[in-house]
Amino acid sequence: APSPASDPSASTDATIFPPVPPQLARNFLIVDTVYENASHSNLGIPGPDGEGMDLGYSGLGGVGEDIKELLPEECRVAFERAVERERVWKGGWGTEEQDARRGRLVIDKGVIL
C-alpha cells in the first residue's frame, strides 16, 4: 500500500470534493483549484509585492494625499474604509514567489548557449 505522503488521494487538506478513487489517483493528476476575485474590480494586484509591479494604477492605496485632501469629510471617511478593505484583501496573499510557487531563478549571464 502506498504511504500517505506518496498517495495523492490521502490529502489532509479540507476539500469540498469526495475522496478520489485510487484507480484515478494512480493514473491521473487530480487538483482542487480555487479562484478568488477581489471584492471590487479596482483593488490592484494582491500581496505585499503588488506595489512593485509597474503596471500603472495599484488600487485605492495608490491615490495621493493631495487628492484625498480634496474630498469632503464624509467621502474621505468612506474612502478610508474602502482603502482598509483593500489592505485586508491584499494582506491575505503572500508574495509572488510564495503564492505563485515561483522560485528565484539564478541566471548565469556568463553562460552562452
PDB file of N, CA and C in Angstrom:
ATOM      1  N   ALA A   1       0.850  -1.187   0.000  1.00  0.00           N
ATOM      2  CA  ALA A   1       0.000   0.000   0.000  1.00  0.00           C
ATOM      3  C   ALA A   1       0.888   1.240   0.000  1.00  0.00           C
ATOM      4  N   PRO A   2       0.513   2.285  -0.775  1.00  0.00           N
ATOM      5  CA  PRO A   2       1.330   3.500  -0.802  1.00  0.00           C
ATOM      6  C   PRO A   2       1.253   4.238   0.522  1.00  0.00           C
ATOM      7  N   SER A   3       2.325   4.917   0.866  1.00  0.00           N
ATOM      8  CA  SER A   3       2.327   5.716   2.086  1.00  0.00           C
ATOM      9  C   SER A   3       1.477   6.958   1.866  1.00  0.00           C
ATOM     10  N   PRO A   4       0.945   7.571   2.942  1.00  0.00           N
ATOM     11  CA  PRO A   4       0.139   8.786   2.777  1.00  0.00           C
ATOM     12  C   PRO A   4       0.886   9.897   2.062  1.00  0.00           C
ATOM     13  N   ALA A   5       2.214   9.967   2.228  1.00  0.00           N
ATOM     14  CA  ALA A   5       2.977  11.032   1.568  1.00  0.00           C
ATOM     15  C   ALA A   5       3.032  10.838   0.060  1.00  0.00           C
ATOM     16  N   SER A   6       2.982   9.572  -0.403  1.00  0.00           N
ATOM     17  CA  SER A   6       3.064   9.332  -1.839  1.00  0.00           C
ATOM     18  C   SER A   6       1.704   9.092  -2.473  1.00  0.00           C
ATOM     19  N   ASP A   7       0.654   9.007  -1.659  1.00  0.00           N
ATOM     20  CA  ASP A   7      -0.692   8.755  -2.175  1.00  0.00           C
ATOM     21  C   ASP A   7      -1.419  10.078  -2.348  1.00  0.00           C
ATOM     22  N   PRO A   8      -1.635  10.538  -3.607  1.00  0.00           N
ATOM     23  CA  PRO A   8      -2.272  11.830  -3.833  1.00  0.00           C
ATOM     24  C   PRO A   8      -3.690  11.907  -3.293  1.00  0.00           C
ATOM     25  N   SER A   9      -4.373  10.765  -3.154  1.00  0.00           N
ATOM     26  CA  SER A   9      -5.752  10.799  -2.673  1.00  0.00           C
ATOM     27  C   SER A   9      -5.824  10.883  -1.158  1.00  0.00           C
ATOM     28  N   ALA A  10      -4.695  10.777  -0.459  1.00  0.00           N
ATOM     29  CA  ALA A  10      -4.680  10.787   1.001  1.00  0.00           C
ATOM     30  C   ALA A  10      -4.351  12.166   1.547  1.00  0.00           C
ATOM     31  N   SER A  11      -4.872  13.194   0.941  1.00  0.00           N
ATOM     32  CA  SER A  11      -4.592  14.566   1.368  1.00  0.00           C
ATOM     33  C   SER A  11      -5.261  14.853   2.702  1.00  0.00           C
ATOM     34  N   THR A  12      -4.579  15.618   3.551  1.00  0.00           N
ATOM     35  CA  THR A  12      -5.158  16.011   4.827  1.00  0.00           C
ATOM     36  C   THR A  12      -5.823  17.372   4.736  1.00  0.00           C
ATOM     37  N   ASP A  13      -5.726  18.034   3.581  1.00  0.00           N
ATOM     38  CA  ASP A  13      -6.343  19.344   3.411  1.00  0.00           C
ATOM     39  C   ASP A  13      -7.854  19.196   3.290  1.00  0.00           C
ATOM     40  N   ALA A  14      -8.575  20.202   3.771  1.00  0.00           N
ATOM     41  CA  ALA A  14     -10.029  20.202   3.643  1.00  0.00           C
ATOM     42  C   ALA A  14     -10.403  20.417   2.187  1.00  0.00           C
ATOM     43  N   THR A  15     -11.448  19.732   1.752  1.00  0.00           N
ATOM     44  CA  THR A  15     -11.906  19.877   0.380  1.00  0.00           C
ATOM     45  C   THR A  15     -13.411  19.684   0.336  1.00  0.00           C
ATOM     46  N   ILE A  16     -14.038  20.255  -0.660  1.00  0.00           N
ATOM     47  CA  ILE A  16     -15.478  20.075  -0.825  1.00  0.00           C
ATOM     48  C   ILE A  16     -15.772  18.834  -1.657  1.00  0.00           C
ATOM     49  N   PHE A  17     -14.744  18.206  -2.188  1.00  0.00           N
ATOM     50  CA  PHE A  17     -14.915  17.063  -3.071  1.00  0.00           C
ATOM     51  C   PHE A  17     -14.773  15.750  -2.307  1.00  0.00           C
ATOM     52  N   PRO A  18     -15.440  14.687  -2.786  1.00  0.00           N
ATOM     53  CA  PRO A  18     -15.273  13.378  -2.146  1.00  0.00           C
ATOM     54  C   PRO A  18     -13.869  12.843  -2.424  1.00  0.00           C
ATOM     55  N   PRO A  19     -13.440  11.837  -1.660  1.00  0.00           N
ATOM     56  CA  PRO A  19     -12.115  11.255  -1.911  1.00  0.00           C
ATOM     57  C   PRO A  19     -12.008  10.725  -3.344  1.00  0.00           C
ATOM     58  N   VAL A  20     -10.832  10.840  -3.903  1.00  0.00           N
ATOM     59  CA  VAL A  20     -10.582  10.373  -5.269  1.00  0.00           C
ATOM     60  C   VAL A  20     -10.344   8.864  -5.225  1.00  0.00           C
ATOM     61  N   PRO A  21     -11.039   8.107  -6.077  1.00  0.00           N
ATOM     62  CA  PRO A  21     -10.794   6.658  -6.103  1.00  0.00           C
ATOM     63  C   PRO A  21      -9.325   6.369  -6.432  1.00  0.00           C
ATOM     64  N   PRO A  22      -8.744   5.352  -5.797  1.00  0.00           N
ATOM     65  CA  PRO A  22      -7.322   5.045  -6.006  1.00  0.00           C
ATOM     66  C   PRO A  22      -6.952   4.821  -7.475  1.00  0.00           C
ATOM     67  N   GLN A  23      -7.862   4.239  -8.264  1.00  0.00           N
ATOM     68  CA  GLN A  23      -7.557   3.989  -9.676  1.00  0.00           C
ATOM     69  C   GLN A  23      -7.332   5.307 -10.420  1.00  0.00           C
ATOM     70  N   LEU A  24      -8.125   6.315 -10.106  1.00  0.00           N
ATOM     71  CA  LEU A  24      -7.953   7.619 -10.753  1.00  0.00           C
ATOM     72  C   LEU A  24      -6.697   8.318 -10.253  1.00  0.00           C
ATOM     73  N   ALA A  25      -6.479   8.277  -8.935  1.00  0.00           N
ATOM     74  CA  ALA A  25      -5.311   8.947  -8.360  1.00  0.00           C
ATOM     75  C   ALA A  25      -4.012   8.334  -8.874  1.00  0.00           C
ATOM     76  N   ARG A  26      -4.036   7.058  -9.173  1.00  0.00           N
ATOM     77  CA  ARG A  26      -2.831   6.388  -9.665  1.00  0.00           C
ATOM     78  C   ARG A  26      -2.514   6.804 -11.105  1.00  0.00           C
ATOM     79  N   ASN A  27      -3.549   7.056 -11.898  1.00  0.00           N
ATOM     80  CA  ASN A  27      -3.356   7.295 -13.331  1.00  0.00           C
ATOM     81  C   ASN A  27      -3.474   8.752 -13.760  1.00  0.00           C
ATOM     82  N   PHE A  28      -4.029   9.598 -12.900  1.00  0.00           N
ATOM     83  CA  PHE A  28      -4.272  10.984 -13.295  1.00  0.00           C
ATOM     84  C   PHE A  28      -3.868  11.931 -12.177  1.00  0.00           C
ATOM     85  N   LEU A  29      -3.529  13.148 -12.538  1.00  0.00           N
ATOM     86  CA  LEU A  29      -3.272  14.198 -11.555  1.00  0.00           C
ATOM     87  C   LEU A  29      -4.606  14.861 -11.236  1.00  0.00           C
ATOM     88  N   ILE A  30      -5.021  14.794  -9.996  1.00  0.00           N
ATOM     89  CA  ILE A  30      -6.284  15.379  -9.561  1.00  0.00           C
ATOM     90  C   ILE A  30      -5.947  16.630  -8.751  1.00  0.00           C
ATOM     91  N   VAL A  31      -6.511  17.778  -9.137  1.00  0.00           N
ATOM     92  CA  VAL A  31      -6.181  19.045  -8.492  1.00  0.00           C
ATOM     93  C   VAL A  31      -7.457  19.781  -8.115  1.00  0.00           C
ATOM     94  N   ASP A  32      -7.555  20.205  -6.858  1.00  0.00           N
ATOM     95  CA  ASP A  32      -8.626  21.109  -6.433  1.00  0.00           C
ATOM     96  C   ASP A  32      -8.127  22.514  -6.709  1.00  0.00           C
ATOM     97  N   THR A  33      -8.863  23.286  -7.485  1.00  0.00           N
ATOM     98  CA  THR A  33      -8.447  24.646  -7.813  1.00  0.00           C
ATOM     99  C   THR A  33      -9.475  25.626  -7.279  1.00  0.00           C
ATOM    100  N   VAL A  34      -9.007  26.652  -6.599  1.00  0.00           N
ATOM    101  CA  VAL A  34      -9.889  27.683  -6.065  1.00  0.00           C
ATOM    102  C   VAL A  34      -9.487  29.008  -6.687  1.00  0.00           C
ATOM    103  N   TYR A  35     -10.455  29.691  -7.265  1.00  0.00           N
ATOM    104  CA  TYR A  35     -10.216  31.021  -7.823  1.00  0.00           C
ATOM    105  C   TYR A  35     -10.879  32.034  -6.899  1.00  0.00           C
ATOM    106  N   GLU A  36     -10.174  33.103  -6.587  1.00  0.00           N
ATOM    107  CA  GLU A  36     -10.725  34.130  -5.716  1.00  0.00           C
ATOM    108  C   GLU A  36     -10.570  35.481  -6.387  1.00  0.00           C
ATOM    109  N   ASN A  37     -11.683  36.167  -6.529  1.00  0.00           N
ATOM    110  CA  ASN A  37     -11.667  37.510  -7.107  1.00  0.00           C
ATOM    111  C   ASN A  37     -11.676  38.545  -5.998  1.00  0.00           C
ATOM    112  N   ALA A  38     -11.209  39.718  -6.329  1.00  0.00           N
ATOM    113  CA  ALA A  38     -11.299  40.838  -5.394  1.00  0.00           C
ATOM    114  C   ALA A  38     -12.763  41.217  -5.233  1.00  0.00           C
ATOM    115  N   SER A  39     -13.107  41.764  -4.080  1.00  0.00           N
ATOM    116  CA  SER A  39     -14.493  42.175  -3.850  1.00  0.00           C
ATOM    117  C   SER A  39     -14.878  43.361  -4.725  1.00  0.00           C
ATOM    118  N   HIS A  40     -13.906  44.101  -5.187  1.00  0.00           N
ATOM    119  CA  HIS A  40     -14.122  45.225  -6.099  1.00  0.00           C
ATOM    120  C   HIS A  40     -13.109  45.093  -7.232  1.00  0.00           C
ATOM    121  N   SER A  41     -13.420  45.648  -8.362  1.00  0.00           N
ATOM    122  CA  SER A  41     -12.542  45.472  -9.518  1.00  0.00           C
ATOM    123  C   SER A  41     -11.305  46.365  -9.486  1.00  0.00           C
ATOM    124  N   ASN A  42     -11.233  47.295  -8.554  1.00  0.00           N
ATOM    125  CA  ASN A  42     -10.125  48.253  -8.566  1.00  0.00           C
ATOM    126  C   ASN A  42      -9.139  48.044  -7.419  1.00  0.00           C
ATOM    127  N   LEU A  43      -9.048  46.841  -6.883  1.00  0.00           N
ATOM    128  CA  LEU A  43      -8.191  46.634  -5.723  1.00  0.00           C
ATOM    129  C   LEU A  43      -6.726  46.405  -6.064  1.00  0.00           C
ATOM    130  N   GLY A  44      -6.383  46.406  -7.314  1.00  0.00           N
ATOM    131  CA  GLY A  44      -4.977  46.289  -7.686  1.00  0.00           C
ATOM    132  C   GLY A  44      -4.455  44.871  -7.562  1.00  0.00           C
ATOM    133  N   ILE A  45      -3.157  44.729  -7.601  1.00  0.00           N
ATOM    134  CA  ILE A  45      -2.503  43.421  -7.543  1.00  0.00           C
ATOM    135  C   ILE A  45      -2.362  43.012  -6.083  1.00  0.00           C
ATOM    136  N   PRO A  46      -2.795  41.787  -5.717  1.00  0.00           N
ATOM    137  CA  PRO A  46      -2.729  41.380  -4.314  1.00  0.00           C
ATOM    138  C   PRO A  46      -1.306  41.096  -3.861  1.00  0.00           C
ATOM    139  N   GLY A  47      -1.130  41.081  -2.546  1.00  0.00           N
ATOM    140  CA  GLY A  47       0.150  40.707  -1.961  1.00  0.00           C
ATOM    141  C   GLY A  47       1.037  41.886  -1.654  1.00  0.00           C
ATOM    142  N   PRO A  48       2.028  41.648  -0.798  1.00  0.00           N
ATOM    143  CA  PRO A  48       2.920  42.731  -0.387  1.00  0.00           C
ATOM    144  C   PRO A  48       3.819  43.241  -1.504  1.00  0.00           C
ATOM    145  N   ASP A  49       3.996  42.441  -2.554  1.00  0.00           N
ATOM    146  CA  ASP A  49       4.846  42.898  -3.648  1.00  0.00           C
ATOM    147  C   ASP A  49       4.036  43.431  -4.824  1.00  0.00           C
ATOM    148  N   GLY A  50       2.722  43.600  -4.646  1.00  0.00           N
ATOM    149  CA  GLY A  50       1.874  44.115  -5.718  1.00  0.00           C
ATOM    150  C   GLY A  50       2.214  45.535  -6.114  1.00  0.00           C
ATOM    151  N   GLU A  51       2.680  46.311  -5.163  1.00  0.00           N
ATOM    152  CA  GLU A  51       3.042  47.698  -5.447  1.00  0.00           C
ATOM    153  C   GLU A  51       4.270  47.770  -6.351  1.00  0.00           C
ATOM    154  N   GLY A  52       5.098  46.743  -6.309  1.00  0.00           N
ATOM    155  CA  GLY A  52       6.326  46.752  -7.090  1.00  0.00           C
ATOM    156  C   GLY A  52       6.114  46.458  -8.565  1.00  0.00           C
ATOM    157  N   MET A  53       4.930  45.981  -8.908  1.00  0.00           N
ATOM    158  CA  MET A  53       4.641  45.693 -10.312  1.00  0.00           C
ATOM    159  C   MET A  53       4.367  47.011 -11.021  1.00  0.00           C
ATOM    160  N   ASP A  54       5.115  47.317 -12.023  1.00  0.00           N
ATOM    161  CA  ASP A  54       4.958  48.589 -12.728  1.00  0.00           C
ATOM    162  C   ASP A  54       3.883  48.450 -13.805  1.00  0.00           C
ATOM    163  N   LEU A  55       2.645  48.358 -13.340  1.00  0.00           N
ATOM    164  CA  LEU A  55       1.529  48.179 -14.262  1.00  0.00           C
ATOM    165  C   LEU A  55       0.557  49.347 -14.202  1.00  0.00           C
ATOM    166  N   GLY A  56       0.996  50.448 -13.650  1.00  0.00           N
ATOM    167  CA  GLY A  56       0.110  51.601 -13.547  1.00  0.00           C
ATOM    168  C   GLY A  56      -0.600  51.634 -12.208  1.00  0.00           C
ATOM    169  N   TYR A  57      -1.868  51.982 -12.229  1.00  0.00           N
ATOM    170  CA  TYR A  57      -2.677  52.164 -11.028  1.00  0.00           C
ATOM    171  C   TYR A  57      -2.641  50.926 -10.148  1.00  0.00           C
ATOM    172  N   SER A  58      -2.425  51.098  -8.870  1.00  0.00           N
ATOM    173  CA  SER A  58      -2.278  49.973  -7.950  1.00  0.00           C
ATOM    174  C   SER A  58      -3.345  49.982  -6.868  1.00  0.00           C
ATOM    175  N   GLY A  59      -4.559  50.310  -7.213  1.00  0.00           N
ATOM    176  CA  GLY A  59      -5.637  50.283  -6.240  1.00  0.00           C
ATOM    177  C   GLY A  59      -5.787  51.599  -5.503  1.00  0.00           C
ATOM    178  N   LEU A  60      -6.702  51.592  -4.540  1.00  0.00           N
ATOM    179  CA  LEU A  60      -7.023  52.816  -3.802  1.00  0.00           C
ATOM    180  C   LEU A  60      -5.858  53.322  -2.964  1.00  0.00           C
ATOM    181  N   GLY A  61      -5.015  52.416  -2.493  1.00  0.00           N
ATOM    182  CA  GLY A  61      -3.865  52.829  -1.694  1.00  0.00           C
ATOM    183  C   GLY A  61      -2.886  53.681  -2.476  1.00  0.00           C
ATOM    184  N   GLY A  62      -2.987  53.664  -3.791  1.00  0.00           N
ATOM    185  CA  GLY A  62      -2.089  54.446  -4.628  1.00  0.00           C
ATOM    186  C   GLY A  62      -2.541  55.877  -4.857  1.00  0.00           C
ATOM    187  N   VAL A  63      -3.719  56.231  -4.339  1.00  0.00           N
ATOM    188  CA  VAL A  63      -4.219  57.601  -4.506  1.00  0.00           C
ATOM    189  C   VAL A  63      -3.413  58.530  -3.606  1.00  0.00           C
ATOM    190  N   GLY A  64      -2.928  59.594  -4.166  1.00  0.00           N
ATOM    191  CA  GLY A  64      -2.081  60.531  -3.434  1.00  0.00           C
ATOM    192  C   GLY A  64      -2.823  61.322  -2.367  1.00  0.00           C
ATOM    193  N   GLU A  65      -2.077  61.744  -1.369  1.00  0.00           N
ATOM    194  CA  GLU A  65      -2.639  62.524  -0.258  1.00  0.00           C
ATOM    195  C   GLU A  65      -3.241  63.832  -0.758  1.00  0.00           C
ATOM    196  N   ASP A  66      -2.644  64.438  -1.780  1.00  0.00           N
ATOM    197  CA  ASP A  66      -3.165  65.699  -2.309  1.00  0.00           C
ATOM    198  C   ASP A  66      -4.574  65.520  -2.877  1.00  0.00           C
ATOM    199  N   ILE A  67      -4.855  64.372  -3.464  1.00  0.00           N
ATOM    200  CA  ILE A  67      -6.195  64.099  -3.991  1.00  0.00           C
ATOM    201  C   ILE A  67      -7.159  63.828  -2.843  1.00  0.00           C
ATOM    202  N   LYS A  68      -6.724  63.062  -1.857  1.00  0.00           N
ATOM    203  CA  LYS A  68      -7.587  62.744  -0.710  1.00  0.00           C
ATOM    204  C   LYS A  68      -8.001  64.005   0.042  1.00  0.00           C
ATOM    205  N   GLU A  69      -7.113  64.989   0.119  1.00  0.00           N
ATOM    206  CA  GLU A  69      -7.424  66.229   0.832  1.00  0.00           C
ATOM    207  C   GLU A  69      -8.560  67.004   0.180  1.00  0.00           C
ATOM    208  N   LEU A  70      -8.818  66.754  -1.088  1.00  0.00           N
ATOM    209  CA  LEU A  70      -9.895  67.450  -1.793  1.00  0.00           C
ATOM    210  C   LEU A  70     -11.271  66.873  -1.488  1.00  0.00           C
ATOM    211  N   LEU A  71     -11.321  65.694  -0.882  1.00  0.00           N
ATOM    212  CA  LEU A  71     -12.600  65.041  -0.606  1.00  0.00           C
ATOM    213  C   LEU A  71     -13.306  65.681   0.584  1.00  0.00           C
ATOM    214  N   PRO A  72     -14.636  65.798   0.515  1.00  0.00           N
ATOM    215  CA  PRO A  72     -15.392  66.216   1.705  1.00  0.00           C
ATOM    216  C   PRO A  72     -15.213  65.163   2.809  1.00  0.00           C
ATOM    217  N   GLU A  73     -15.418  65.563   4.053  1.00  0.00           N
ATOM    218  CA  GLU A  73     -15.158  64.682   5.199  1.00  0.00           C
ATOM    219  C   GLU A  73     -15.893  63.346   5.089  1.00  0.00           C
ATOM    220  N   GLU A  74     -17.157  63.370   4.729  1.00  0.00           N
ATOM    221  CA  GLU A  74     -17.946  62.139   4.623  1.00  0.00           C
ATOM    222  C   GLU A  74     -17.359  61.201   3.557  1.00  0.00           C
ATOM    223  N   CYS A  75     -16.959  61.769   2.441  1.00  0.00           N
ATOM    224  CA  CYS A  75     -16.353  60.977   1.365  1.00  0.00           C
ATOM    225  C   CYS A  75     -14.987  60.451   1.782  1.00  0.00           C
ATOM    226  N   ARG A  76     -14.248  61.259   2.513  1.00  0.00           N
ATOM    227  CA  ARG A  76     -12.914  60.847   2.966  1.00  0.00           C
ATOM    228  C   ARG A  76     -13.013  59.652   3.909  1.00  0.00           C
ATOM    229  N   VAL A  77     -14.004  59.675   4.813  1.00  0.00           N
ATOM    230  CA  VAL A  77     -14.202  58.558   5.741  1.00  0.00           C
ATOM    231  C   VAL A  77     -14.561  57.290   4.966  1.00  0.00           C
ATOM    232  N   ALA A  78     -15.473  57.411   3.994  1.00  0.00           N
ATOM    233  CA  ALA A  78     -15.854  56.258   3.171  1.00  0.00           C
ATOM    234  C   ALA A  78     -14.656  55.758   2.362  1.00  0.00           C
ATOM    235  N   PHE A  79     -13.868  56.686   1.857  1.00  0.00           N
ATOM    236  CA  PHE A  79     -12.683  56.315   1.080  1.00  0.00           C
ATOM    237  C   PHE A  79     -11.691  55.553   1.950  1.00  0.00           C
ATOM    238  N   GLU A  80     -11.450  56.032   3.160  1.00  0.00           N
ATOM    239  CA  GLU A  80     -10.505  55.369   4.063  1.00  0.00           C
ATOM    240  C   GLU A  80     -10.997  53.974   4.440  1.00  0.00           C
ATOM    241  N   ARG A  81     -12.318  53.798   4.592  1.00  0.00           N
ATOM    242  CA  ARG A  81     -12.861  52.457   4.857  1.00  0.00           C
ATOM    243  C   ARG A  81     -12.590  51.533   3.668  1.00  0.00           C
ATOM    244  N   ALA A  82     -12.771  52.061   2.466  1.00  0.00           N
ATOM    245  CA  ALA A  82     -12.512  51.266   1.258  1.00  0.00           C
ATOM    246  C   ALA A  82     -11.027  50.916   1.144  1.00  0.00           C
ATOM    247  N   VAL A  83     -10.158  51.852   1.501  1.00  0.00           N
ATOM    248  CA  VAL A  83      -8.712  51.583   1.484  1.00  0.00           C
ATOM    249  C   VAL A  83      -8.386  50.468   2.477  1.00  0.00           C
ATOM    250  N   GLU A  84      -9.030  50.482   3.636  1.00  0.00           N
ATOM    251  CA  GLU A  84      -8.796  49.434   4.640  1.00  0.00           C
ATOM    252  C   GLU A  84      -9.261  48.069   4.128  1.00  0.00           C
ATOM    253  N   ARG A  85     -10.422  48.023   3.463  1.00  0.00           N
ATOM    254  CA  ARG A  85     -10.891  46.757   2.872  1.00  0.00           C
ATOM    255  C   ARG A  85      -9.893  46.257   1.831  1.00  0.00           C
ATOM    256  N   GLU A  86      -9.373  47.179   1.040  1.00  0.00           N
ATOM    257  CA  GLU A  86      -8.372  46.813   0.039  1.00  0.00           C
ATOM    258  C   GLU A  86      -7.117  46.257   0.712  1.00  0.00           C
ATOM    259  N   ARG A  87      -6.681  46.911   1.783  1.00  0.00           N
ATOM    260  CA  ARG A  87      -5.485  46.474   2.504  1.00  0.00           C
ATOM    261  C   ARG A  87      -5.678  45.070   3.078  1.00  0.00           C
ATOM    262  N   VAL A  88      -6.851  44.809   3.637  1.00  0.00           N
ATOM    263  CA  VAL A  88      -7.142  43.486   4.195  1.00  0.00           C
ATOM    264  C   VAL A  88      -7.125  42.432   3.091  1.00  0.00           C
ATOM    265  N   TRP A  89      -7.744  42.746   1.942  1.00  0.00           N
ATOM    266  CA  TRP A  89      -7.770  41.791   0.834  1.00  0.00           C
ATOM    267  C   TRP A  89      -6.358  41.506   0.332  1.00  0.00           C
ATOM    268  N   LYS A  90      -5.585  42.556   0.121  1.00  0.00           N
ATOM    269  CA  LYS A  90      -4.212  42.363  -0.364  1.00  0.00           C
ATOM    270  C   LYS A  90      -3.361  41.631   0.665  1.00  0.00           C
ATOM    271  N   GLY A  91      -3.626  41.864   1.943  1.00  0.00           N
ATOM    272  CA  GLY A  91      -2.863  41.219   3.003  1.00  0.00           C
ATOM    273  C   GLY A  91      -3.114  39.728   3.110  1.00  0.00           C
ATOM    274  N   GLY A  92      -4.183  39.252   2.486  1.00  0.00           N
ATOM    275  CA  GLY A  92      -4.486  37.830   2.516  1.00  0.00           C
ATOM    276  C   GLY A  92      -3.620  37.007   1.583  1.00  0.00           C
ATOM    277  N   TRP A  93      -2.762  37.661   0.861  1.00  0.00           N
ATOM    278  CA  TRP A  93      -1.910  36.986  -0.114  1.00  0.00           C
ATOM    279  C   TRP A  93      -0.459  37.120   0.304  1.00  0.00           C
ATOM    280  N   GLY A  94       0.345  36.199  -0.122  1.00  0.00           N
ATOM    281  CA  GLY A  94       1.784  36.289   0.103  1.00  0.00           C
ATOM    282  C   GLY A  94       2.433  36.956  -1.093  1.00  0.00           C
ATOM    283  N   THR A  95       3.719  36.787  -1.181  1.00  0.00           N
ATOM    284  CA  THR A  95       4.445  37.367  -2.310  1.00  0.00           C
ATOM    285  C   THR A  95       4.228  36.521  -3.554  1.00  0.00           C
ATOM    286  N   GLU A  96       4.607  37.042  -4.679  1.00  0.00           N
ATOM    287  CA  GLU A  96       4.511  36.315  -5.946  1.00  0.00           C
ATOM    288  C   GLU A  96       5.311  35.010  -5.855  1.00  0.00           C
ATOM    289  N   GLU A  97       6.429  35.052  -5.177  1.00  0.00           N
ATOM    290  CA  GLU A  97       7.264  33.853  -5.028  1.00  0.00           C
ATOM    291  C   GLU A  97       6.554  32.796  -4.182  1.00  0.00           C
ATOM    292  N   GLN A  98       5.851  33.224  -3.122  1.00  0.00           N
ATOM    293  CA  GLN A  98       5.167  32.271  -2.244  1.00  0.00           C
ATOM    294  C   GLN A  98       3.900  31.712  -2.886  1.00  0.00           C
ATOM    295  N   ASP A  99       3.001  32.571  -3.286  1.00  0.00           N
ATOM    296  CA  ASP A  99       1.690  32.123  -3.746  1.00  0.00           C
ATOM    297  C   ASP A  99       1.683  31.578  -5.160  1.00  0.00           C
ATOM    298  N   ALA A 100       2.508  32.072  -6.004  1.00  0.00           N
ATOM    299  CA  ALA A 100       2.541  31.575  -7.376  1.00  0.00           C
ATOM    300  C   ALA A 100       3.517  30.414  -7.498  1.00  0.00           C
ATOM    301  N   ARG A 101       4.166  30.081  -6.389  1.00  0.00           N
ATOM    302  CA  ARG A 101       5.116  28.978  -6.347  1.00  0.00           C
ATOM    303  C   ARG A 101       6.241  29.155  -7.356  1.00  0.00           C
ATOM    304  N   ARG A 102       6.609  30.386  -7.547  1.00  0.00           N
ATOM    305  CA  ARG A 102       7.723  30.665  -8.451  1.00  0.00           C
ATOM    306  C   ARG A 102       8.994  30.784  -7.622  1.00  0.00           C
ATOM    307  N   GLY A 103       9.989  30.080  -8.016  1.00  0.00           N
ATOM    308  CA  GLY A 103      11.265  30.163  -7.323  1.00  0.00           C
ATOM    309  C   GLY A 103      12.075  31.337  -7.819  1.00  0.00           C
ATOM    310  N   ARG A 104      13.114  31.645  -7.108  1.00  0.00           N
ATOM    311  CA  ARG A 104      14.030  32.687  -7.561  1.00  0.00           C
ATOM    312  C   ARG A 104      15.015  32.037  -8.522  1.00  0.00           C
ATOM    313  N   LEU A 105      14.935  32.431  -9.759  1.00  0.00           N
ATOM    314  CA  LEU A 105      15.821  31.863 -10.763  1.00  0.00           C
ATOM    315  C   LEU A 105      17.216  32.454 -10.630  1.00  0.00           C
ATOM    316  N   VAL A 106      18.203  31.605 -10.742  1.00  0.00           N
ATOM    317  CA  VAL A 106      19.584  32.053 -10.769  1.00  0.00           C
ATOM    318  C   VAL A 106      20.023  31.951 -12.221  1.00  0.00           C
ATOM    319  N   ILE A 107      20.245  33.082 -12.834  1.00  0.00           N
ATOM    320  CA  ILE A 107      20.627  33.109 -14.239  1.00  0.00           C
ATOM    321  C   ILE A 107      22.086  33.513 -14.322  1.00  0.00           C
ATOM    322  N   ASP A 108      22.881  32.620 -14.841  1.00  0.00           N
ATOM    323  CA  ASP A 108      24.304  32.877 -15.001  1.00  0.00           C
ATOM    324  C   ASP A 108      24.505  33.524 -16.366  1.00  0.00           C
ATOM    325  N   LYS A 109      24.724  34.822 -16.366  1.00  0.00           N
ATOM    326  CA  LYS A 109      24.867  35.551 -17.629  1.00  0.00           C
ATOM    327  C   LYS A 109      26.171  35.220 -18.340  1.00  0.00           C
ATOM    328  N   GLY A 110      27.050  34.508 -17.648  1.00  0.00           N
ATOM    329  CA  GLY A 110      28.309  34.138 -18.265  1.00  0.00           C
ATOM    330  C   GLY A 110      28.189  32.929 -19.179  1.00  0.00           C
ATOM    331  N   VAL A 111      27.078  32.221 -19.066  1.00  0.00           N
ATOM    332  CA  VAL A 111      26.875  31.038 -19.899  1.00  0.00           C
ATOM    333  C   VAL A 111      26.209  31.466 -21.195  1.00  0.00           C
ATOM    334  N   ILE A 112      26.833  31.156 -22.304  1.00  0.00           N
ATOM    335  CA  ILE A 112      26.268  31.494 -23.610  1.00  0.00           C
ATOM    336  C   ILE A 112      25.920  30.192 -24.308  1.00  0.00           C
ATOM    337  N   LEU A 113      24.689  30.082 -24.707  1.00  0.00           N
ATOM    338  CA  LEU A 113      24.241  28.855 -25.384  1.00  0.00           C
ATOM    339  C   LEU A 113      24.285  29.011 -26.868  1.00  0.00           C
TER     340      LEU A 113
END
